[in-house]
Amino acid sequence: MEIAVIAHDGKKADMVQFLNRNSSVLKKENIKIIATGTTGSKAEAAGFKVKKMLSGPQGGDAQIAGRVAEGKTKMVLFFKDPLSSHPHEADVNMLIRVCDVHNIPLATNEATAQLLINGMFINS
């Protein structure tokens, strides 16, 4: 199963901590992780194998949306920073829309992401 991880700059450390807390589940379930560029680099530095897309502002969000539309990506964890403005907000909204259109689980914060991981892998 392929999941995408994305995080705004103010949430990248939170994403890495989240991945570390759930590493045993992610590795046991043989999850393939894809990520936008910088988030992917930080996840790699923490020891995760990641397929990196472009950075978000350079089109990484759109690349991931394409993989969702193609049926390759089955879950998106996007830790949004609600306290900062983001110049590529249209790309973010497009990704959220594509997830909705294709009925793909999407978490935009850590609490919801944990519920998705628990529901998909721990409590199943």
C-alpha atoms as a PDB file:
ATOM      1  CA  MET A   1       0.000   0.000   0.000  1.00  0.00           C
ATOM      2  CA  GLU A   2       1.270   3.450  -0.899  1.00  0.00           C
ATOM      3  CA  ILE A   3       0.666   6.420   1.387  1.00  0.00           C
ATOM      4  CA  ALA A   4       1.703  10.023   0.840  1.00  0.00           C
ATOM      5  CA  VAL A   5       3.142  12.234   3.546  1.00  0.00           C
ATOM      6  CA  ILE A   6       3.273  15.988   3.160  1.00  0.00           C
ATOM      7  CA  ALA A   7       3.850  18.718   5.725  1.00  0.00           C
ATOM      8  CA  HIS A   8       4.021  22.466   5.639  1.00  0.00           C
ATOM      9  CA  ASP A   9       7.305  23.886   6.939  1.00  0.00           C
ATOM     10  CA  GLY A  10       5.947  24.497  10.438  1.00  0.00           C
ATOM     11  CA  LYS A  11       4.740  20.875  10.659  1.00  0.00           C
ATOM     12  CA  LYS A  12       7.646  18.900   9.158  1.00  0.00           C
ATOM     13  CA  ALA A  13       9.135  18.039  12.562  1.00  0.00           C
ATOM     14  CA  ASP A  14       5.689  16.903  13.725  1.00  0.00           C
ATOM     15  CA  MET A  15       5.413  14.637  10.671  1.00  0.00           C
ATOM     16  CA  VAL A  16       8.793  13.034  11.335  1.00  0.00           C
ATOM     17  CA  GLN A  17       7.845  12.469  14.985  1.00  0.00           C
ATOM     18  CA  PHE A  18       4.547  10.945  13.853  1.00  0.00           C
ATOM     19  CA  LEU A  19       6.325   8.600  11.438  1.00  0.00           C
ATOM     20  CA  ASN A  20       8.794   7.592  14.156  1.00  0.00           C
ATOM     21  CA  ARG A  21       5.974   6.828  16.612  1.00  0.00           C
ATOM     22  CA  ASN A  22       4.271   4.660  14.000  1.00  0.00           C
ATOM     23  CA  SER A  23       7.391   3.165  12.425  1.00  0.00           C
ATOM     24  CA  SER A  24       6.752  -0.388  13.620  1.00  0.00           C
ATOM     25  CA  VAL A  25       3.297  -0.409  12.023  1.00  0.00           C
ATOM     26  CA  LEU A  26       4.469   1.260   8.819  1.00  0.00           C
ATOM     27  CA  LYS A  27       7.361  -1.158   8.408  1.00  0.00           C
ATOM     28  CA  LYS A  28       5.372  -4.248   9.458  1.00  0.00           C
ATOM     29  CA  GLU A  29       2.611  -3.499   6.974  1.00  0.00           C
ATOM     30  CA  ASN A  30       5.172  -2.949   4.200  1.00  0.00           C
ATOM     31  CA  ILE A  31       3.902   0.547   3.451  1.00  0.00           C
ATOM     32  CA  LYS A  32       5.449   2.410   0.530  1.00  0.00           C
ATOM     33  CA  ILE A  33       5.852   6.064   1.453  1.00  0.00           C
ATOM     34  CA  ILE A  34       5.874   8.861  -1.070  1.00  0.00           C
ATOM     35  CA  ALA A  35       6.381  12.478  -0.078  1.00  0.00           C
ATOM     36  CA  THR A  36       6.920  15.948  -1.354  1.00  0.00           C
ATOM     37  CA  GLY A  37      10.614  16.835  -1.615  1.00  0.00           C
ATOM     38  CA  THR A  38      11.556  18.458   1.666  1.00  0.00           C
ATOM     39  CA  THR A  39       9.220  16.355   3.787  1.00  0.00           C
ATOM     40  CA  GLY A  40      10.641  13.274   2.079  1.00  0.00           C
ATOM     41  CA  SER A  41      14.221  14.354   2.787  1.00  0.00           C
ATOM     42  CA  LYS A  42      13.422  14.793   6.468  1.00  0.00           C
ATOM     43  CA  ALA A  43      11.717  11.391   6.602  1.00  0.00           C
ATOM     44  CA  GLU A  44      14.746   9.808   4.899  1.00  0.00           C
ATOM     45  CA  ALA A  45      17.044  11.424   7.465  1.00  0.00           C
ATOM     46  CA  ALA A  46      14.927   9.719  10.153  1.00  0.00           C
ATOM     47  CA  GLY A  47      15.550   6.337   8.513  1.00  0.00           C
ATOM     48  CA  PHE A  48      12.488   5.876   6.307  1.00  0.00           C
ATOM     49  CA  LYS A  49      12.634   4.718   2.707  1.00  0.00           C
ATOM     50  CA  VAL A  50      10.762   7.364   0.729  1.00  0.00           C
ATOM     51  CA  LYS A  51      10.025   8.029  -2.924  1.00  0.00           C
ATOM     52  CA  LYS A  52      10.362  11.795  -3.214  1.00  0.00           C
ATOM     53  CA  MET A  53       8.321  13.955  -5.520  1.00  0.00           C
ATOM     54  CA  LEU A  54       9.017  17.627  -6.220  1.00  0.00           C
ATOM     55  CA  SER A  55       8.651  20.075  -3.359  1.00  0.00           C
ATOM     56  CA  GLY A  56       5.093  21.286  -2.811  1.00  0.00           C
ATOM     57  CA  PRO A  57       5.494  24.754  -4.356  1.00  0.00           C
ATOM     58  CA  GLN A  58       7.237  23.214  -7.386  1.00  0.00           C
ATOM     59  CA  GLY A  59       4.404  20.782  -8.131  1.00  0.00           C
ATOM     60  CA  GLY A  60       4.848  17.934  -5.639  1.00  0.00           C
ATOM     61  CA  ASP A  61       1.271  18.292  -4.385  1.00  0.00           C
ATOM     62  CA  ALA A  62       0.068  17.954  -7.992  1.00  0.00           C
ATOM     63  CA  GLN A  63       2.261  14.889  -8.564  1.00  0.00           C
ATOM     64  CA  ILE A  64       0.752  13.213  -5.520  1.00  0.00           C
ATOM     65  CA  ALA A  65      -2.749  14.196  -6.636  1.00  0.00           C
ATOM     66  CA  GLY A  66      -2.009  12.482  -9.943  1.00  0.00           C
ATOM     67  CA  ARG A  67      -1.011   9.289  -8.127  1.00  0.00           C
ATOM     68  CA  VAL A  68      -4.241   9.466  -6.104  1.00  0.00           C
ATOM     69  CA  ALA A  69      -6.258   9.862  -9.311  1.00  0.00           C
ATOM     70  CA  GLU A  70      -4.412   6.908 -10.880  1.00  0.00           C
ATOM     71  CA  GLY A  71      -5.307   4.713  -7.897  1.00  0.00           C
ATOM     72  CA  LYS A  72      -1.694   4.287  -6.752  1.00  0.00           C
ATOM     73  CA  THR A  73      -1.823   6.279  -3.508  1.00  0.00           C
ATOM     74  CA  LYS A  74      -4.344   4.915  -1.008  1.00  0.00           C
ATOM     75  CA  MET A  75      -3.941   7.408   1.884  1.00  0.00           C
ATOM     76  CA  VAL A  76      -2.686  10.980   2.252  1.00  0.00           C
ATOM     77  CA  LEU A  77      -1.316  12.440   5.475  1.00  0.00           C
ATOM     78  CA  PHE A  78      -0.898  16.185   4.971  1.00  0.00           C
ATOM     79  CA  PHE A  79       0.012  18.091   8.125  1.00  0.00           C
ATOM     80  CA  LYS A  80      -1.177  21.589   7.274  1.00  0.00           C
ATOM     81  CA  ASP A  81      -0.020  24.636   9.206  1.00  0.00           C
ATOM     82  CA  PRO A  82      -3.213  26.628   9.778  1.00  0.00           C
ATOM     83  CA  LEU A  83      -1.324  29.569  11.285  1.00  0.00           C
ATOM     84  CA  SER A  84       0.711  30.429   8.173  1.00  0.00           C
ATOM     85  CA  SER A  85      -0.196  31.492   4.664  1.00  0.00           C
ATOM     86  CA  HIS A  86       0.985  29.330   1.800  1.00  0.00           C
ATOM     87  CA  PRO A  87       1.558  30.621  -1.732  1.00  0.00           C
ATOM     88  CA  HIS A  88       0.582  27.291  -3.324  1.00  0.00           C
ATOM     89  CA  GLU A  89      -2.757  26.991  -1.493  1.00  0.00           C
ATOM     90  CA  ALA A  90      -4.513  26.281  -4.794  1.00  0.00           C
ATOM     91  CA  ASP A  91      -2.398  23.132  -5.184  1.00  0.00           C
ATOM     92  CA  VAL A  92      -3.269  22.052  -1.652  1.00  0.00           C
ATOM     93  CA  ASN A  93      -6.976  22.552  -2.320  1.00  0.00           C
ATOM     94  CA  MET A  94      -6.665  20.604  -5.575  1.00  0.00           C
ATOM     95  CA  LEU A  95      -5.066  17.664  -3.743  1.00  0.00           C
ATOM     96  CA  ILE A  96      -7.824  17.698  -1.128  1.00  0.00           C
ATOM     97  CA  ARG A  97     -10.450  17.778  -3.886  1.00  0.00           C
ATOM     98  CA  VAL A  98      -8.856  14.834  -5.720  1.00  0.00           C
ATOM     99  CA  CYS A  99      -8.826  12.826  -2.485  1.00  0.00           C
ATOM    100  CA  ASP A 100     -12.510  13.618  -2.026  1.00  0.00           C
ATOM    101  CA  VAL A 101     -13.376  12.725  -5.635  1.00  0.00           C
ATOM    102  CA  HIS A 102     -11.575   9.375  -5.395  1.00  0.00           C
ATOM    103  CA  ASN A 103     -12.679   8.647  -1.809  1.00  0.00           C
ATOM    104  CA  ILE A 104      -9.115   8.475  -0.480  1.00  0.00           C
ATOM    105  CA  PRO A 105      -8.572   8.866   3.278  1.00  0.00           C
ATOM    106  CA  LEU A 106      -6.950  12.238   3.995  1.00  0.00           C
ATOM    107  CA  ALA A 107      -5.710  13.563   7.320  1.00  0.00           C
ATOM    108  CA  THR A 108      -4.716  17.200   7.671  1.00  0.00           C
ATOM    109  CA  ASN A 109      -3.603  16.979  11.291  1.00  0.00           C
ATOM    110  CA  GLU A 110      -1.851  14.549  13.596  1.00  0.00           C
ATOM    111  CA  ALA A 111      -4.926  13.411  15.523  1.00  0.00           C
ATOM    112  CA  THR A 112      -6.774  12.403  12.375  1.00  0.00           C
ATOM    113  CA  ALA A 113      -3.667  10.785  10.909  1.00  0.00           C
ATOM    114  CA  GLN A 114      -3.336   8.611  14.005  1.00  0.00           C
ATOM    115  CA  LEU A 115      -6.970   7.556  13.720  1.00  0.00           C
ATOM    116  CA  LEU A 116      -6.394   6.549  10.090  1.00  0.00           C
ATOM    117  CA  ILE A 117      -3.283   4.533  10.944  1.00  0.00           C
ATOM    118  CA  ASN A 118      -5.057   2.871  13.868  1.00  0.00           C
ATOM    119  CA  GLY A 119      -8.151   2.091  11.808  1.00  0.00           C
ATOM    120  CA  MET A 120      -6.327   0.833   8.727  1.00  0.00           C
ATOM    121  CA  PHE A 121      -3.532  -1.160  10.334  1.00  0.00           C
ATOM    122  CA  ILE A 122      -3.848  -1.615  14.086  1.00  0.00           C
ATOM    123  CA  ASN A 123      -7.561  -2.217  14.656  1.00  0.00           C
ATOM    124  CA  SER A 124      -8.240  -4.105  11.432  1.00  0.00           C
END
